[in-house]
Amino acid sequence: MTWTDAAGLLGVVLILIAYAGAALGRLDPKRAASLAANFAGASLILLSLAHAFNLSAVAMEGAWALVSLAGLARLGWKRLRG
């Protein structure tokens, strides 16, 4: 297993933890912990795809990362505004 494979698998685990936490009512999907786990997970999967490129997977994980990042930015903006 390469380090990029390991990074991708860690990314999958992070996304699944965030999803399971939201589905089981343990994590609020609109809060920073869930959004950060999704962003980190998607980013790690994207990193693994740099080694073994797959266009559809890059599109999916890129969108996943951008949506998570937008949610984190929204939270940051709300905190700045008071």
C-alpha atoms as a PDB file:
ATOM      1  CA  MET A   1       0.000   0.000   0.000  1.00  0.00           C
ATOM      2  CA  THR A   2       1.350   3.416  -0.934  1.00  0.00           C
ATOM      3  CA  TRP A   3       1.157   6.495   1.281  1.00  0.00           C
ATOM      4  CA  THR A   4      -1.427   7.957  -1.129  1.00  0.00           C
ATOM      5  CA  ASP A   5      -3.584   4.843  -0.700  1.00  0.00           C
ATOM      6  CA  ALA A   6      -3.321   5.226   3.070  1.00  0.00           C
ATOM      7  CA  ALA A   7      -4.267   8.913   2.828  1.00  0.00           C
ATOM      8  CA  GLY A   8      -7.296   8.037   0.699  1.00  0.00           C
ATOM      9  CA  LEU A   9      -8.426   5.351   3.129  1.00  0.00           C
ATOM     10  CA  LEU A  10      -8.064   7.751   6.047  1.00  0.00           C
ATOM     11  CA  GLY A  11     -10.172  10.226   4.083  1.00  0.00           C
ATOM     12  CA  VAL A  12     -12.876   7.607   3.579  1.00  0.00           C
ATOM     13  CA  VAL A  13     -12.858   6.826   7.315  1.00  0.00           C
ATOM     14  CA  LEU A  14     -13.221  10.520   8.206  1.00  0.00           C
ATOM     15  CA  ILE A  15     -16.161  11.004   5.848  1.00  0.00           C
ATOM     16  CA  LEU A  16     -17.854   7.836   7.103  1.00  0.00           C
ATOM     17  CA  ILE A  17     -17.405   8.904  10.729  1.00  0.00           C
ATOM     18  CA  ALA A  18     -18.959  12.287   9.943  1.00  0.00           C
ATOM     19  CA  TYR A  19     -21.835  10.656   8.053  1.00  0.00           C
ATOM     20  CA  ALA A  20     -22.494   8.047  10.725  1.00  0.00           C
ATOM     21  CA  GLY A  21     -22.325  10.704  13.431  1.00  0.00           C
ATOM     22  CA  ALA A  22     -24.902  12.812  11.597  1.00  0.00           C
ATOM     23  CA  ALA A  23     -27.142   9.837  10.815  1.00  0.00           C
ATOM     24  CA  LEU A  24     -27.072   8.663  14.436  1.00  0.00           C
ATOM     25  CA  GLY A  25     -27.650  12.134  15.854  1.00  0.00           C
ATOM     26  CA  ARG A  26     -24.177  12.395  17.406  1.00  0.00           C
ATOM     27  CA  LEU A  27     -22.870  15.156  15.118  1.00  0.00           C
ATOM     28  CA  ASP A  28     -24.725  18.152  13.769  1.00  0.00           C
ATOM     29  CA  PRO A  29     -23.923  18.243  10.036  1.00  0.00           C
ATOM     30  CA  LYS A  30     -24.018  22.065  10.112  1.00  0.00           C
ATOM     31  CA  ARG A  31     -21.406  22.367  12.870  1.00  0.00           C
ATOM     32  CA  ALA A  32     -17.667  22.756  12.481  1.00  0.00           C
ATOM     33  CA  ALA A  33     -16.647  19.238  13.590  1.00  0.00           C
ATOM     34  CA  SER A  34     -18.722  17.516  10.926  1.00  0.00           C
ATOM     35  CA  LEU A  35     -17.819  20.012   8.204  1.00  0.00           C
ATOM     36  CA  ALA A  36     -14.113  19.807   9.065  1.00  0.00           C
ATOM     37  CA  ALA A  37     -14.166  16.000   9.000  1.00  0.00           C
ATOM     38  CA  ASN A  38     -15.859  16.059   5.592  1.00  0.00           C
ATOM     39  CA  PHE A  39     -13.407  18.640   4.241  1.00  0.00           C
ATOM     40  CA  ALA A  40     -10.363  16.778   5.547  1.00  0.00           C
ATOM     41  CA  GLY A  41     -11.697  13.457   4.296  1.00  0.00           C
ATOM     42  CA  ALA A  42     -12.455  14.732   0.808  1.00  0.00           C
ATOM     43  CA  SER A  43      -9.082  16.475   0.650  1.00  0.00           C
ATOM     44  CA  LEU A  44      -7.259  13.280   1.585  1.00  0.00           C
ATOM     45  CA  ILE A  45      -9.179  11.324  -1.044  1.00  0.00           C
ATOM     46  CA  LEU A  46      -8.287  14.001  -3.611  1.00  0.00           C
ATOM     47  CA  LEU A  47      -4.657  13.638  -2.596  1.00  0.00           C
ATOM     48  CA  SER A  48      -4.843   9.901  -3.215  1.00  0.00           C
ATOM     49  CA  LEU A  49      -6.388  10.535  -6.625  1.00  0.00           C
ATOM     50  CA  ALA A  50      -3.327  12.525  -7.657  1.00  0.00           C
ATOM     51  CA  HIS A  51      -1.535   9.177  -7.766  1.00  0.00           C
ATOM     52  CA  ALA A  52      -4.320   7.228  -9.498  1.00  0.00           C
ATOM     53  CA  PHE A  53      -6.448   9.784 -11.343  1.00  0.00           C
ATOM     54  CA  ASN A  54     -10.159   9.148 -11.849  1.00  0.00           C
ATOM     55  CA  LEU A  55     -12.144  12.089 -13.242  1.00  0.00           C
ATOM     56  CA  SER A  56     -15.521  11.197 -11.749  1.00  0.00           C
ATOM     57  CA  ALA A  57     -14.009  10.608  -8.306  1.00  0.00           C
ATOM     58  CA  VAL A  58     -12.097  13.899  -8.499  1.00  0.00           C
ATOM     59  CA  ALA A  59     -15.314  15.720  -9.444  1.00  0.00           C
ATOM     60  CA  MET A  60     -17.207  14.124  -6.542  1.00  0.00           C
ATOM     61  CA  GLU A  61     -14.540  14.705  -3.907  1.00  0.00           C
ATOM     62  CA  GLY A  62     -13.783  18.196  -5.204  1.00  0.00           C
ATOM     63  CA  ALA A  63     -17.450  19.122  -4.877  1.00  0.00           C
ATOM     64  CA  TRP A  64     -17.604  17.487  -1.429  1.00  0.00           C
ATOM     65  CA  ALA A  65     -14.583  19.477  -0.275  1.00  0.00           C
ATOM     66  CA  LEU A  66     -15.938  22.760  -1.698  1.00  0.00           C
ATOM     67  CA  VAL A  67     -19.356  22.325  -0.075  1.00  0.00           C
ATOM     68  CA  SER A  68     -17.723  21.509   3.272  1.00  0.00           C
ATOM     69  CA  LEU A  69     -15.406  24.483   2.931  1.00  0.00           C
ATOM     70  CA  ALA A  70     -18.357  26.741   2.106  1.00  0.00           C
ATOM     71  CA  GLY A  71     -20.087  25.540   5.280  1.00  0.00           C
ATOM     72  CA  LEU A  72     -16.986  26.261   7.337  1.00  0.00           C
ATOM     73  CA  ALA A  73     -16.704  29.708   5.741  1.00  0.00           C
ATOM     74  CA  ARG A  74     -20.368  30.375   6.592  1.00  0.00           C
ATOM     75  CA  LEU A  75     -19.702  29.483  10.224  1.00  0.00           C
ATOM     76  CA  GLY A  76     -16.630  31.689  10.298  1.00  0.00           C
ATOM     77  CA  TRP A  77     -18.570  34.576   8.769  1.00  0.00           C
ATOM     78  CA  LYS A  78     -21.335  34.184  11.358  1.00  0.00           C
ATOM     79  CA  ARG A  79     -18.774  34.300  14.162  1.00  0.00           C
ATOM     80  CA  LEU A  80     -17.138  37.424  12.741  1.00  0.00           C
ATOM     81  CA  ARG A  81     -20.488  39.192  12.461  1.00  0.00           C
ATOM     82  CA  GLY A  82     -21.286  38.385  16.065  1.00  0.00           C
END
